Protein backbone atom coordinates (compact mmCIF):
# COMPACT_ATOMS: atom_id res chain seq x y z
CA MET A 1 0.01 -0.19 0.04
CA PRO A 2 1.33 3.34 -1.15
CA HIS A 3 2.30 5.79 1.72
CA ARG A 4 2.10 9.55 1.86
CA MET A 5 5.57 11.09 3.16
CA CYS A 6 5.51 15.26 2.71
CA GLY A 7 2.63 15.17 0.29
CA VAL A 8 4.87 12.81 -2.36
CA ASP A 9 2.96 9.94 -3.61
CA THR A 10 5.56 6.39 -2.78
CA LYS A 11 5.23 3.41 -4.53
CA GLU A 12 6.02 -0.26 -3.25
CA THR A 13 8.73 -1.92 -5.11
CA TYR A 14 10.13 -5.40 -4.55
CA LEU A 15 13.49 -6.70 -6.08
CA GLU A 16 13.70 -10.36 -5.65
CA ILE A 17 17.14 -11.34 -5.13
CA LEU A 18 17.12 -15.17 -4.90
CA TYR A 19 14.64 -17.35 -6.30
CA PHE A 20 14.71 -21.52 -6.43
CA LYS A 21 12.63 -24.49 -6.31
CA GLN A 22 12.60 -26.86 -3.29
CA PHE A 23 11.92 -30.53 -4.11
CA TYR A 24 10.19 -31.94 -1.18
CA LYS A 25 7.32 -33.87 -1.55
CA HIS A 26 4.23 -32.53 0.95
CA PHE A 27 0.12 -32.50 0.89
CA VAL A 28 -1.79 -29.71 -0.24
CA PHE A 29 -5.62 -29.05 0.77
CA THR A 30 -7.56 -27.24 -1.76
CA GLU A 31 -11.14 -26.13 -1.85
CA ASP A 32 -13.60 -26.70 -5.00
CA GLU A 33 -16.60 -24.29 -5.03
CA GLU A 34 -18.37 -26.18 -2.81
CA GLY A 35 -16.68 -26.03 0.32
CA ASN A 36 -15.23 -29.66 0.03
CA ARG A 37 -11.43 -30.19 0.53
CA ASN A 38 -9.16 -32.18 -1.71
CA LYS A 39 -5.51 -33.48 -0.83
CA ARG A 40 -2.78 -33.74 -3.37
CA MET A 41 0.59 -34.56 -3.25
CA GLU A 42 3.18 -31.78 -4.37
CA LYS A 43 6.38 -32.23 -5.12
CA TYR A 44 8.27 -29.04 -4.86
CA PHE A 45 7.70 -26.02 -3.45
CA GLU A 46 8.82 -22.47 -4.69
CA VAL A 47 11.22 -19.89 -2.54
CA SER A 48 11.32 -15.91 -3.30
CA ALA A 49 13.42 -13.99 -1.60
CA VAL A 50 12.64 -9.99 -2.11
CA VAL A 51 13.66 -6.92 -0.45
CA ASP A 52 11.32 -4.27 -0.24
CA VAL A 53 13.01 -1.20 -1.62
CA GLY A 54 10.90 2.02 -0.87
CA CYS A 55 11.40 5.61 -2.27
CA GLY A 56 10.48 8.80 -0.61
CA GLU A 57 11.52 11.09 1.57
CA THR A 58 15.77 10.89 1.58
CA LYS A 59 16.44 14.10 3.11
CA ASN A 60 15.68 13.21 6.59
CA SER A 61 18.65 11.58 8.39
CA TYR A 62 16.86 9.49 10.70
CA PHE A 63 16.38 6.75 8.49
């Protein structure tokens, strides 16, 4: 969600610094339109490491 600092609109930007697939068998539960849960086996999950890069007031020496 954008924040306003000193009357300036800021924008959230994420920088992905790492992405990989971790191979590991595990169960995932999904829900259908009727509300029933279905269990299925997944072989991997995706891992993503991101940095929140913010822009805005840079004159404040507090940060």
